[in-house]
Amino acid sequence: MSADTASLRRRLIEVLFKNDRFQWQRLENLLLIARSDQSFDIIPTAGMGIQFLMSEEGQYLRNQILLALTEDNRLHTEEVQRLWTLVKEDLQQNKLIGAA
């Protein structure tokens, strides 16, 4: 999850989407696995993810995430809250400022 290669990004998209539907539980599981590694630092990985999302190449994923957030005519706030609960300790202001 910490390498930034096109093949890894494609594989991650394949894992996170099944039949064009975002798999919230899979992302949650990936985060849990990553957090179980004491040496894992989410900040560099999140930074690479944000760079990718903001790039031209990331347009497909941006669209897919927007569709996932509004899928089935509802906002998926519970799913986003569960993900936030998993990462919020690692994304505290002092850690983010130190990384910047």
Protein backbone atom coordinates (compact mmCIF):
# COMPACT_ATOMS: atom_id res chain seq x y z
CA MET A 1 0.00 0.00 0.00
CA SER A 2 2.94 2.32 0.28
CA ALA A 3 4.34 1.94 -3.25
CA ASP A 4 3.12 4.28 -5.96
CA THR A 5 2.95 2.33 -9.19
CA ALA A 6 0.31 2.21 -11.92
CA SER A 7 -0.08 -1.55 -11.55
CA LEU A 8 -0.63 -1.27 -7.80
CA ARG A 9 -3.21 1.48 -8.31
CA ARG A 10 -5.05 -0.66 -10.87
CA ARG A 11 -5.00 -3.65 -8.54
CA LEU A 12 -6.30 -1.56 -5.65
CA ILE A 13 -9.19 -0.32 -7.80
CA GLU A 14 -9.94 -3.93 -8.77
CA VAL A 15 -10.06 -4.87 -5.08
CA LEU A 16 -12.21 -1.92 -4.04
CA PHE A 17 -14.80 -2.26 -6.81
CA LYS A 18 -16.87 -5.31 -7.62
CA ASN A 19 -19.39 -5.10 -10.47
CA ASP A 20 -18.82 -1.33 -10.53
CA ARG A 21 -19.91 -1.03 -6.89
CA PHE A 22 -17.58 0.27 -4.20
CA GLN A 23 -16.79 -2.32 -1.54
CA TRP A 24 -16.75 -0.34 1.71
CA GLN A 25 -15.91 -3.40 3.80
CA ARG A 26 -12.86 -4.19 1.67
CA LEU A 27 -11.44 -0.70 2.25
CA GLU A 28 -12.15 -1.05 5.95
CA ASN A 29 -10.36 -4.42 5.96
CA LEU A 30 -7.36 -2.98 4.11
CA LEU A 31 -7.10 -0.20 6.68
CA LEU A 32 -7.34 -2.68 9.56
CA ILE A 33 -4.60 -4.82 8.03
CA ALA A 34 -2.38 -1.79 7.47
CA ARG A 35 -2.94 -0.52 11.02
CA SER A 36 -1.94 -3.93 12.42
CA ASP A 37 1.59 -3.27 11.14
CA GLN A 38 3.20 -1.12 13.83
CA SER A 39 5.60 0.42 11.31
CA PHE A 40 2.87 1.50 8.88
CA ASP A 41 2.46 5.26 8.52
CA ILE A 42 -0.77 6.23 6.77
CA ILE A 43 0.28 9.82 6.07
CA PRO A 44 2.65 9.14 3.13
CA THR A 45 0.15 6.65 1.68
CA ALA A 46 -2.71 9.13 2.06
CA GLY A 47 -0.56 11.81 0.41
CA MET A 48 0.08 9.58 -2.60
CA GLY A 49 -3.62 8.79 -2.76
CA ILE A 50 -4.58 12.45 -2.74
CA GLN A 51 -2.01 13.24 -5.44
CA PHE A 52 -3.42 10.45 -7.58
CA LEU A 53 -7.03 11.53 -7.02
CA MET A 54 -6.20 15.10 -8.04
CA SER A 55 -4.36 14.00 -11.17
CA GLU A 56 -5.90 13.55 -14.61
CA GLU A 57 -5.40 9.81 -14.23
CA GLY A 58 -7.47 9.87 -11.03
CA GLN A 59 -10.61 11.23 -12.70
CA TYR A 60 -12.16 7.76 -13.05
CA LEU A 61 -11.62 7.02 -9.38
CA ARG A 62 -12.98 10.44 -8.33
CA ASN A 63 -16.14 9.73 -10.29
CA GLN A 64 -16.45 6.23 -8.84
CA ILE A 65 -16.02 7.51 -5.29
CA LEU A 66 -18.70 10.15 -5.84
CA LEU A 67 -21.06 7.47 -7.16
CA ALA A 68 -20.22 5.22 -4.19
CA LEU A 69 -20.93 8.00 -1.70
CA THR A 70 -24.39 8.54 -3.20
CA GLU A 71 -25.22 4.99 -4.25
CA ASP A 72 -28.77 3.67 -3.77
CA ASN A 73 -30.15 7.22 -3.42
CA ARG A 74 -28.57 7.78 -0.02
CA LEU A 75 -25.44 9.32 1.41
CA HIS A 76 -23.15 6.65 2.80
CA THR A 77 -22.28 8.58 5.94
CA GLU A 78 -22.15 5.52 8.20
CA GLU A 79 -19.50 3.93 6.02
CA VAL A 80 -17.46 7.12 5.91
CA GLN A 81 -17.76 7.45 9.71
CA ARG A 82 -16.45 3.89 10.19
CA LEU A 83 -13.47 4.66 7.95
CA TRP A 84 -12.79 7.94 9.77
CA THR A 85 -12.85 6.10 13.10
CA LEU A 86 -10.09 3.81 11.78
CA VAL A 87 -7.77 6.59 10.60
CA LYS A 88 -8.51 9.63 12.76
CA GLU A 89 -5.77 8.92 15.31
CA ASP A 90 -3.21 8.67 12.53
CA LEU A 91 -4.36 11.90 10.90
CA GLN A 92 -4.09 14.22 13.89
CA GLN A 93 -3.13 17.80 13.20
CA ASN A 94 0.33 17.58 14.75
CA LYS A 95 1.21 14.54 12.61
CA LEU A 96 -0.07 16.21 9.46
CA ILE A 97 1.87 19.40 10.14
CA GLY A 98 5.01 17.38 10.79
CA ALA A 99 4.57 15.59 7.47
CA ALA A 100 3.96 18.81 5.59
